């Protein structure tokens, strides 16, 4: 049987730990056929990003149209979109083609919390992408850049979810992995009516490169298979926990989370 399809609209990571590389291997681990619309080519390794070259916006949109018109897209996710021009072009194209649920991972902050996007691109994410999203999945640094809210506890995490929902997405997942001093990683999922806390073990590892991409693509995979948003997020949460537990050192900096455990058949 033909498997479900999922489209990643994102940049390439030359180090193989994040970006479309993380998305495609996560899709594979879930039995989903991965489709790609490449937005940028990065020059990076375990020590960080040294530079990137964006793909022309018309080429990005042509990739989306090519796969959507021929193969169908059961679910889609966005990652690094690089510029306001690309963001606006992607948003317009998503109105012109048929895709399933859309997960927006607003890749806007580096591992150290520094902004990766200019303010015009952040505004395009808020006004163009979020209203089209089924789910958005910001980490706490991205929450701060997008809303001005610094999440330090459960109350501010809820305030952040409420503020993000005002931009128009159906659901928001405020990830708590970057909240320091907490024994667990607590993510908050909300559609404005329900507020669902998902707790998970915090692992003592620095090798977390690609964690956000992997979680978002795991959720996208479940949505492509027809899961509800709460079920897809719960499944994605379990998947990334195991990937963090199985992460490995690579290079002189931050190593990647790993889905390789699915190949060993271990539970």
C-alpha atoms as a PDB file:
ATOM      1  CA  UNK A   1       0.000   0.000   0.000  1.00  0.00           C
ATOM      2  CA  UNK A   2       1.074   3.577  -0.631  1.00  0.00           C
ATOM      3  CA  UNK A   3       2.020   5.216   2.689  1.00  0.00           C
ATOM      4  CA  UNK A   4       0.706   8.617   3.819  1.00  0.00           C
ATOM      5  CA  UNK A   5       2.688  11.640   2.655  1.00  0.00           C
ATOM      6  CA  UNK A   6       4.069  14.556   4.628  1.00  0.00           C
ATOM      7  CA  UNK A   7       5.707  17.682   3.227  1.00  0.00           C
ATOM      8  CA  UNK A   8       8.519  19.547   4.943  1.00  0.00           C
ATOM      9  CA  UNK A   9       9.075  23.151   3.856  1.00  0.00           C
ATOM     10  CA  UNK A  10      12.410  23.897   5.456  1.00  0.00           C
ATOM     11  CA  UNK A  11      16.156  24.378   5.150  1.00  0.00           C
ATOM     12  CA  UNK A  12      18.956  21.857   4.767  1.00  0.00           C
ATOM     13  CA  UNK A  13      21.365  21.170   7.637  1.00  0.00           C
ATOM     14  CA  UNK A  14      24.806  20.226   6.314  1.00  0.00           C
ATOM     15  CA  UNK A  15      25.492  18.547   9.653  1.00  0.00           C
ATOM     16  CA  UNK A  16      22.484  16.256   9.185  1.00  0.00           C
ATOM     17  CA  UNK A  17      20.996  16.764  12.648  1.00  0.00           C
ATOM     18  CA  UNK A  18      18.179  19.230  12.027  1.00  0.00           C
ATOM     19  CA  UNK A  19      16.230  20.763   9.135  1.00  0.00           C
ATOM     20  CA  UNK A  20      14.950  18.606   6.317  1.00  0.00           C
ATOM     21  CA  UNK A  21      17.368  15.841   7.270  1.00  0.00           C
ATOM     22  CA  UNK A  22      15.744  15.481  10.706  1.00  0.00           C
ATOM     23  CA  UNK A  23      12.269  15.769   9.175  1.00  0.00           C
ATOM     24  CA  UNK A  24      12.834  13.072   6.560  1.00  0.00           C
ATOM     25  CA  UNK A  25      14.296  10.552   8.949  1.00  0.00           C
ATOM     26  CA  UNK A  26      11.439  11.195  11.384  1.00  0.00           C
ATOM     27  CA  UNK A  27       8.877  10.712   8.610  1.00  0.00           C
ATOM     28  CA  UNK A  28      10.622   7.456   7.698  1.00  0.00           C
ATOM     29  CA  UNK A  29      10.578   6.281  11.318  1.00  0.00           C
ATOM     30  CA  UNK A  30       6.784   6.773  11.310  1.00  0.00           C
ATOM     31  CA  UNK A  31       6.189   4.971   8.019  1.00  0.00           C
ATOM     32  CA  UNK A  32       5.377   8.209   6.173  1.00  0.00           C
ATOM     33  CA  UNK A  33       6.678   9.186   2.734  1.00  0.00           C
ATOM     34  CA  UNK A  34       8.532  12.490   2.953  1.00  0.00           C
ATOM     35  CA  UNK A  35       8.176  15.294   0.405  1.00  0.00           C
ATOM     36  CA  UNK A  36      10.453  18.351   0.367  1.00  0.00           C
ATOM     37  CA  UNK A  37      10.296  22.025  -0.532  1.00  0.00           C
ATOM     38  CA  UNK A  38      13.791  23.330   0.209  1.00  0.00           C
ATOM     39  CA  UNK A  39      13.965  26.942   1.433  1.00  0.00           C
ATOM     40  CA  UNK A  40      17.657  27.407   2.252  1.00  0.00           C
ATOM     41  CA  UNK A  41      21.027  25.685   2.221  1.00  0.00           C
ATOM     42  CA  UNK A  42      22.874  26.192   5.477  1.00  0.00           C
ATOM     43  CA  UNK A  43      26.568  25.917   6.228  1.00  0.00           C
ATOM     44  CA  UNK A  44      26.664  24.423   9.701  1.00  0.00           C
ATOM     45  CA  UNK A  45      28.080  21.760  11.966  1.00  0.00           C
ATOM     46  CA  UNK A  46      27.824  20.833  15.630  1.00  0.00           C
ATOM     47  CA  UNK A  47      29.300  24.204  16.598  1.00  0.00           C
ATOM     48  CA  UNK A  48      26.592  26.278  14.920  1.00  0.00           C
ATOM     49  CA  UNK A  49      25.519  27.964  11.708  1.00  0.00           C
ATOM     50  CA  UNK A  50      28.250  29.747   9.754  1.00  0.00           C
ATOM     51  CA  UNK A  51      25.985  30.954   6.953  1.00  0.00           C
ATOM     52  CA  UNK A  52      23.134  30.159   4.625  1.00  0.00           C
ATOM     53  CA  UNK A  53      21.841  30.844   1.136  1.00  0.00           C
ATOM     54  CA  UNK A  54      18.096  31.078   0.652  1.00  0.00           C
ATOM     55  CA  UNK A  55      16.354  29.464  -2.311  1.00  0.00           C
ATOM     56  CA  UNK A  56      14.450  31.932  -4.537  1.00  0.00           C
ATOM     57  CA  UNK A  57      10.833  32.237  -3.360  1.00  0.00           C
ATOM     58  CA  UNK A  58       9.427  31.194  -6.753  1.00  0.00           C
ATOM     59  CA  UNK A  59      11.482  27.997  -6.633  1.00  0.00           C
ATOM     60  CA  UNK A  60      10.183  27.241  -3.132  1.00  0.00           C
ATOM     61  CA  UNK A  61       6.584  27.638  -4.264  1.00  0.00           C
ATOM     62  CA  UNK A  62       7.201  25.618  -7.430  1.00  0.00           C
ATOM     63  CA  UNK A  63       8.409  22.699  -5.294  1.00  0.00           C
ATOM     64  CA  UNK A  64       5.247  22.821  -3.178  1.00  0.00           C
ATOM     65  CA  UNK A  65       2.981  22.952  -6.223  1.00  0.00           C
ATOM     66  CA  UNK A  66       4.851  20.127  -7.976  1.00  0.00           C
ATOM     67  CA  UNK A  67       4.440  17.574  -5.188  1.00  0.00           C
ATOM     68  CA  UNK A  68       0.979  18.694  -4.058  1.00  0.00           C
ATOM     69  CA  UNK A  69      -0.501  18.482  -7.558  1.00  0.00           C
ATOM     70  CA  UNK A  70       0.923  15.031  -8.296  1.00  0.00           C
ATOM     71  CA  UNK A  71       1.475  13.094  -5.075  1.00  0.00           C
ATOM     72  CA  UNK A  72      -0.885  14.757  -2.611  1.00  0.00           C
ATOM     73  CA  UNK A  73       0.047  16.085   0.825  1.00  0.00           C
ATOM     74  CA  UNK A  74      -1.639  14.444   3.816  1.00  0.00           C
ATOM     75  CA  UNK A  75       0.050  16.869   6.224  1.00  0.00           C
ATOM     76  CA  UNK A  76       2.730  19.551   6.040  1.00  0.00           C
ATOM     77  CA  UNK A  77       5.170  21.333   8.307  1.00  0.00           C
ATOM     78  CA  UNK A  78       7.324  24.412   8.012  1.00  0.00           C
ATOM     79  CA  UNK A  79      10.746  24.923   9.512  1.00  0.00           C
ATOM     80  CA  UNK A  80      13.392  27.467   8.578  1.00  0.00           C
ATOM     81  CA  UNK A  81      11.827  29.876   6.077  1.00  0.00           C
ATOM     82  CA  UNK A  82      14.691  32.390   6.093  1.00  0.00           C
ATOM     83  CA  UNK A  83      13.014  35.580   4.803  1.00  0.00           C
ATOM     84  CA  UNK A  84       9.739  37.473   4.837  1.00  0.00           C
ATOM     85  CA  UNK A  85       9.503  37.043   1.054  1.00  0.00           C
ATOM     86  CA  UNK A  86       9.662  33.250   1.335  1.00  0.00           C
ATOM     87  CA  UNK A  87       7.183  33.229   4.226  1.00  0.00           C
ATOM     88  CA  UNK A  88       4.640  35.279   2.276  1.00  0.00           C
ATOM     89  CA  UNK A  89       5.138  33.151  -0.846  1.00  0.00           C
ATOM     90  CA  UNK A  90       4.651  29.917   1.095  1.00  0.00           C
ATOM     91  CA  UNK A  91       1.494  31.240   2.769  1.00  0.00           C
ATOM     92  CA  UNK A  92       0.022  32.270  -0.592  1.00  0.00           C
ATOM     93  CA  UNK A  93       0.885  28.925  -2.156  1.00  0.00           C
ATOM     94  CA  UNK A  94      -0.711  26.977   0.685  1.00  0.00           C
ATOM     95  CA  UNK A  95      -3.978  28.743  -0.206  1.00  0.00           C
ATOM     96  CA  UNK A  96      -3.636  27.599  -3.823  1.00  0.00           C
ATOM     97  CA  UNK A  97      -2.918  23.895  -3.309  1.00  0.00           C
ATOM     98  CA  UNK A  98      -4.587  21.182  -1.280  1.00  0.00           C
ATOM     99  CA  UNK A  99      -2.681  20.090   1.794  1.00  0.00           C
ATOM    100  CA  UNK A 100      -3.743  18.434   5.010  1.00  0.00           C
ATOM    101  CA  UNK A 101      -3.108  19.786   8.513  1.00  0.00           C
ATOM    102  CA  UNK A 102      -0.287  22.338   8.732  1.00  0.00           C
ATOM    103  CA  UNK A 103       2.254  22.391  11.567  1.00  0.00           C
ATOM    104  CA  UNK A 104       4.248  25.623  11.812  1.00  0.00           C
ATOM    105  CA  UNK A 105       7.516  25.297  13.700  1.00  0.00           C
ATOM    106  CA  UNK A 106       8.552  28.978  13.818  1.00  0.00           C
ATOM    107  CA  UNK A 107      12.305  28.513  13.573  1.00  0.00           C
ATOM    108  CA  UNK A 108      13.298  31.968  14.786  1.00  0.00           C
ATOM    109  CA  UNK A 109      15.935  31.476  17.487  1.00  0.00           C
ATOM    110  CA  UNK A 110      19.313  29.759  17.675  1.00  0.00           C
ATOM    111  CA  UNK A 111      20.248  27.198  20.325  1.00  0.00           C
ATOM    112  CA  UNK A 112      21.625  30.106  22.373  1.00  0.00           C
ATOM    113  CA  UNK A 113      18.391  32.095  22.074  1.00  0.00           C
ATOM    114  CA  UNK A 114      19.579  34.639  19.511  1.00  0.00           C
ATOM    115  CA  UNK A 115      17.165  35.768  16.804  1.00  0.00           C
ATOM    116  CA  UNK A 116      17.628  34.089  13.410  1.00  0.00           C
ATOM    117  CA  UNK A 117      15.002  36.176  11.603  1.00  0.00           C
ATOM    118  CA  UNK A 118      14.624  39.889  11.040  1.00  0.00           C
ATOM    119  CA  UNK A 119      11.543  41.618  12.449  1.00  0.00           C
ATOM    120  CA  UNK A 120       9.801  41.724   9.050  1.00  0.00           C
ATOM    121  CA  UNK A 121      10.090  37.936   8.842  1.00  0.00           C
ATOM    122  CA  UNK A 122       8.793  37.513  12.400  1.00  0.00           C
ATOM    123  CA  UNK A 123       5.829  39.712  11.513  1.00  0.00           C
ATOM    124  CA  UNK A 124       5.162  37.643   8.388  1.00  0.00           C
ATOM    125  CA  UNK A 125       5.105  34.488  10.532  1.00  0.00           C
ATOM    126  CA  UNK A 126       2.606  36.111  12.899  1.00  0.00           C
ATOM    127  CA  UNK A 127       0.295  37.516  10.227  1.00  0.00           C
ATOM    128  CA  UNK A 128       0.697  35.163   7.258  1.00  0.00           C
ATOM    129  CA  UNK A 129       1.555  31.692   8.557  1.00  0.00           C
ATOM    130  CA  UNK A 130      -0.012  31.430  11.995  1.00  0.00           C
ATOM    131  CA  UNK A 131      -3.586  32.095  10.760  1.00  0.00           C
ATOM    132  CA  UNK A 132      -3.196  29.169   8.340  1.00  0.00           C
ATOM    133  CA  UNK A 133      -1.737  26.761  10.912  1.00  0.00           C
ATOM    134  CA  UNK A 134      -3.428  23.797  12.493  1.00  0.00           C
ATOM    135  CA  UNK A 135      -0.724  23.828  15.184  1.00  0.00           C
ATOM    136  CA  UNK A 136       2.258  26.016  16.024  1.00  0.00           C
ATOM    137  CA  UNK A 137       5.174  24.659  18.072  1.00  0.00           C
ATOM    138  CA  UNK A 138       7.435  27.453  19.413  1.00  0.00           C
ATOM    139  CA  UNK A 139      10.130  26.922  21.996  1.00  0.00           C
ATOM    140  CA  UNK A 140      10.472  29.448  24.812  1.00  0.00           C
ATOM    141  CA  UNK A 141      13.025  31.647  23.031  1.00  0.00           C
ATOM    142  CA  UNK A 142      10.693  31.854  20.033  1.00  0.00           C
ATOM    143  CA  UNK A 143       7.760  32.631  22.330  1.00  0.00           C
ATOM    144  CA  UNK A 144       9.741  35.574  23.689  1.00  0.00           C
ATOM    145  CA  UNK A 145      10.597  36.852  20.199  1.00  0.00           C
ATOM    146  CA  UNK A 146       7.033  36.471  18.941  1.00  0.00           C
ATOM    147  CA  UNK A 147       5.093  37.759  21.953  1.00  0.00           C
ATOM    148  CA  UNK A 148       7.523  39.488  24.300  1.00  0.00           C
ATOM    149  CA  UNK A 149       6.552  37.051  27.073  1.00  0.00           C
ATOM    150  CA  UNK A 150       9.325  35.322  29.029  1.00  0.00           C
ATOM    151  CA  UNK A 151       8.019  31.960  30.212  1.00  0.00           C
ATOM    152  CA  UNK A 152       9.353  31.055  33.645  1.00  0.00           C
ATOM    153  CA  UNK A 153       6.512  29.033  35.191  1.00  0.00           C
ATOM    154  CA  UNK A 154       3.128  27.451  34.493  1.00  0.00           C
ATOM    155  CA  UNK A 155       1.251  30.752  34.748  1.00  0.00           C
ATOM    156  CA  UNK A 156       3.423  32.557  32.199  1.00  0.00           C
ATOM    157  CA  UNK A 157       3.337  29.484  29.952  1.00  0.00           C
ATOM    158  CA  UNK A 158      -0.476  29.712  29.882  1.00  0.00           C
ATOM    159  CA  UNK A 159      -0.297  33.460  29.224  1.00  0.00           C
ATOM    160  CA  UNK A 160       2.037  32.774  26.311  1.00  0.00           C
ATOM    161  CA  UNK A 161      -0.338  30.178  24.856  1.00  0.00           C
ATOM    162  CA  UNK A 162      -3.230  32.643  25.051  1.00  0.00           C
ATOM    163  CA  UNK A 163      -1.178  35.384  23.396  1.00  0.00           C
ATOM    164  CA  UNK A 164      -0.018  33.103  20.589  1.00  0.00           C
ATOM    165  CA  UNK A 165      -3.544  31.892  19.853  1.00  0.00           C
ATOM    166  CA  UNK A 166      -4.528  35.488  19.165  1.00  0.00           C
ATOM    167  CA  UNK A 167      -2.450  35.269  15.982  1.00  0.00           C
ATOM    168  CA  UNK A 168      -4.986  32.825  14.578  1.00  0.00           C
ATOM    169  CA  UNK A 169      -3.724  29.226  14.722  1.00  0.00           C
ATOM    170  CA  UNK A 170      -6.157  26.473  15.727  1.00  0.00           C
ATOM    171  CA  UNK A 171      -3.807  25.046  18.371  1.00  0.00           C
ATOM    172  CA  UNK A 172      -0.556  26.073  20.049  1.00  0.00           C
ATOM    173  CA  UNK A 173       2.057  23.943  21.765  1.00  0.00           C
ATOM    174  CA  UNK A 174       4.294  25.976  24.082  1.00  0.00           C
ATOM    175  CA  UNK A 175       7.279  23.704  24.591  1.00  0.00           C
ATOM    176  CA  UNK A 176       8.914  23.819  28.000  1.00  0.00           C
ATOM    177  CA  UNK A 177      12.233  22.144  27.290  1.00  0.00           C
ATOM    178  CA  UNK A 178      14.184  25.406  27.702  1.00  0.00           C
ATOM    179  CA  UNK A 179      12.624  26.199  31.109  1.00  0.00           C
ATOM    180  CA  UNK A 180      15.553  25.962  33.479  1.00  0.00           C
ATOM    181  CA  UNK A 181      15.472  24.505  36.958  1.00  0.00           C
ATOM    182  CA  UNK A 182      12.509  22.178  36.441  1.00  0.00           C
ATOM    183  CA  UNK A 183      12.772  18.409  36.993  1.00  0.00           C
ATOM    184  CA  UNK A 184      10.485  17.658  34.028  1.00  0.00           C
ATOM    185  CA  UNK A 185       9.899  19.044  30.544  1.00  0.00           C
ATOM    186  CA  UNK A 186       6.298  20.272  30.588  1.00  0.00           C
ATOM    187  CA  UNK A 187       4.687  21.293  27.288  1.00  0.00           C
ATOM    188  CA  UNK A 188       1.338  23.089  27.170  1.00  0.00           C
ATOM    189  CA  UNK A 189      -1.126  22.375  24.357  1.00  0.00           C
ATOM    190  CA  UNK A 190      -4.174  24.593  23.917  1.00  0.00           C
ATOM    191  CA  UNK A 191      -6.889  25.573  21.464  1.00  0.00           C
ATOM    192  CA  UNK A 192      -8.147  28.328  23.768  1.00  0.00           C
ATOM    193  CA  UNK A 193     -10.753  26.079  25.370  1.00  0.00           C
ATOM    194  CA  UNK A 194      -8.625  23.176  26.537  1.00  0.00           C
ATOM    195  CA  UNK A 195      -5.260  23.529  28.246  1.00  0.00           C
ATOM    196  CA  UNK A 196      -3.441  20.191  28.254  1.00  0.00           C
ATOM    197  CA  UNK A 197      -0.140  19.760  30.114  1.00  0.00           C
ATOM    198  CA  UNK A 198       2.194  17.046  28.880  1.00  0.00           C
ATOM    199  CA  UNK A 199       4.999  16.148  31.246  1.00  0.00           C
ATOM    200  CA  UNK A 200       8.098  14.244  30.299  1.00  0.00           C
ATOM    201  CA  UNK A 201      11.427  13.282  31.776  1.00  0.00           C
ATOM    202  CA  UNK A 202      14.284  15.778  31.514  1.00  0.00           C
ATOM    203  CA  UNK A 203      17.474  14.037  30.383  1.00  0.00           C
ATOM    204  CA  UNK A 204      20.905  15.287  31.372  1.00  0.00           C
ATOM    205  CA  UNK A 205      22.401  15.663  27.915  1.00  0.00           C
ATOM    206  CA  UNK A 206      23.715  18.514  25.809  1.00  0.00           C
ATOM    207  CA  UNK A 207      23.050  16.586  22.606  1.00  0.00           C
ATOM    208  CA  UNK A 208      19.692  18.053  21.636  1.00  0.00           C
ATOM    209  CA  UNK A 209      20.342  19.363  18.123  1.00  0.00           C
ATOM    210  CA  UNK A 210      17.279  18.919  15.917  1.00  0.00           C
ATOM    211  CA  UNK A 211      14.927  18.271  18.819  1.00  0.00           C
ATOM    212  CA  UNK A 212      12.351  20.865  17.779  1.00  0.00           C
ATOM    213  CA  UNK A 213      12.358  19.751  14.152  1.00  0.00           C
ATOM    214  CA  UNK A 214      12.065  16.109  15.162  1.00  0.00           C
ATOM    215  CA  UNK A 215       9.121  16.707  17.477  1.00  0.00           C
ATOM    216  CA  UNK A 216       7.268  18.828  14.905  1.00  0.00           C
ATOM    217  CA  UNK A 217       7.818  16.259  12.164  1.00  0.00           C
ATOM    218  CA  UNK A 218       6.732  13.427  14.473  1.00  0.00           C
ATOM    219  CA  UNK A 219       3.484  15.319  15.139  1.00  0.00           C
ATOM    220  CA  UNK A 220       3.087  15.968  11.412  1.00  0.00           C
ATOM    221  CA  UNK A 221       3.548  12.260  10.705  1.00  0.00           C
ATOM    222  CA  UNK A 222       0.712  11.334  13.055  1.00  0.00           C
ATOM    223  CA  UNK A 223      -1.532  14.019  11.564  1.00  0.00           C
ATOM    224  CA  UNK A 224      -0.785  12.596   8.101  1.00  0.00           C
ATOM    225  CA  UNK A 225      -2.107   9.275   9.380  1.00  0.00           C
ATOM    226  CA  UNK A 226      -5.353  10.890  10.556  1.00  0.00           C
ATOM    227  CA  UNK A 227      -4.694  11.409  14.270  1.00  0.00           C
ATOM    228  CA  UNK A 228      -6.323  14.256  16.172  1.00  0.00           C
ATOM    229  CA  UNK A 229      -4.095  17.130  17.275  1.00  0.00           C
ATOM    230  CA  UNK A 230      -4.037  16.093  20.973  1.00  0.00           C
ATOM    231  CA  UNK A 231      -3.224  12.481  20.062  1.00  0.00           C
ATOM    232  CA  UNK A 232      -0.587  13.536  17.522  1.00  0.00           C
ATOM    233  CA  UNK A 233       1.095  15.826  20.061  1.00  0.00           C
ATOM    234  CA  UNK A 234       1.054  13.151  22.772  1.00  0.00           C
ATOM    235  CA  UNK A 235       2.631  10.686  20.332  1.00  0.00           C
ATOM    236  CA  UNK A 236       5.217  13.251  19.240  1.00  0.00           C
ATOM    237  CA  UNK A 237       6.083  13.966  22.857  1.00  0.00           C
ATOM    238  CA  UNK A 238       6.818  10.283  23.531  1.00  0.00           C
ATOM    239  CA  UNK A 239       8.842  10.010  20.336  1.00  0.00           C
ATOM    240  CA  UNK A 240      11.103  12.984  21.075  1.00  0.00           C
ATOM    241  CA  UNK A 241      11.646  11.830  24.649  1.00  0.00           C
ATOM    242  CA  UNK A 242      13.094   8.577  23.348  1.00  0.00           C
ATOM    243  CA  UNK A 243      15.116  10.416  20.695  1.00  0.00           C
ATOM    244  CA  UNK A 244      16.665  12.642  23.374  1.00  0.00           C
ATOM    245  CA  UNK A 245      17.389   9.598  25.539  1.00  0.00           C
ATOM    246  CA  UNK A 246      19.175   8.003  22.567  1.00  0.00           C
ATOM    247  CA  UNK A 247      21.019  11.173  21.452  1.00  0.00           C
ATOM    248  CA  UNK A 248      24.717  10.879  20.724  1.00  0.00           C
ATOM    249  CA  UNK A 249      27.838  13.076  20.647  1.00  0.00           C
ATOM    250  CA  UNK A 250      29.027  14.111  17.197  1.00  0.00           C
ATOM    251  CA  UNK A 251      31.656  16.731  16.479  1.00  0.00           C
ATOM    252  CA  UNK A 252      33.021  19.232  18.958  1.00  0.00           C
ATOM    253  CA  UNK A 253      29.686  20.869  19.796  1.00  0.00           C
ATOM    254  CA  UNK A 254      26.073  19.799  20.226  1.00  0.00           C
ATOM    255  CA  UNK A 255      25.199  16.333  18.947  1.00  0.00           C
ATOM    256  CA  UNK A 256      21.817  15.323  17.494  1.00  0.00           C
ATOM    257  CA  UNK A 257      18.777  13.638  18.952  1.00  0.00           C
ATOM    258  CA  UNK A 258      18.384  10.183  17.456  1.00  0.00           C
ATOM    259  CA  UNK A 259      15.472   8.185  16.030  1.00  0.00           C
ATOM    260  CA  UNK A 260      17.793   5.256  15.306  1.00  0.00           C
ATOM    261  CA  UNK A 261      16.206   3.326  18.179  1.00  0.00           C
ATOM    262  CA  UNK A 262      13.283   2.466  15.894  1.00  0.00           C
ATOM    263  CA  UNK A 263      15.626   0.269  13.839  1.00  0.00           C
ATOM    264  CA  UNK A 264      16.578  -1.922  16.779  1.00  0.00           C
ATOM    265  CA  UNK A 265      13.071  -2.965  17.728  1.00  0.00           C
ATOM    266  CA  UNK A 266      13.746  -2.056  21.368  1.00  0.00           C
ATOM    267  CA  UNK A 267      10.907  -0.818  23.578  1.00  0.00           C
END
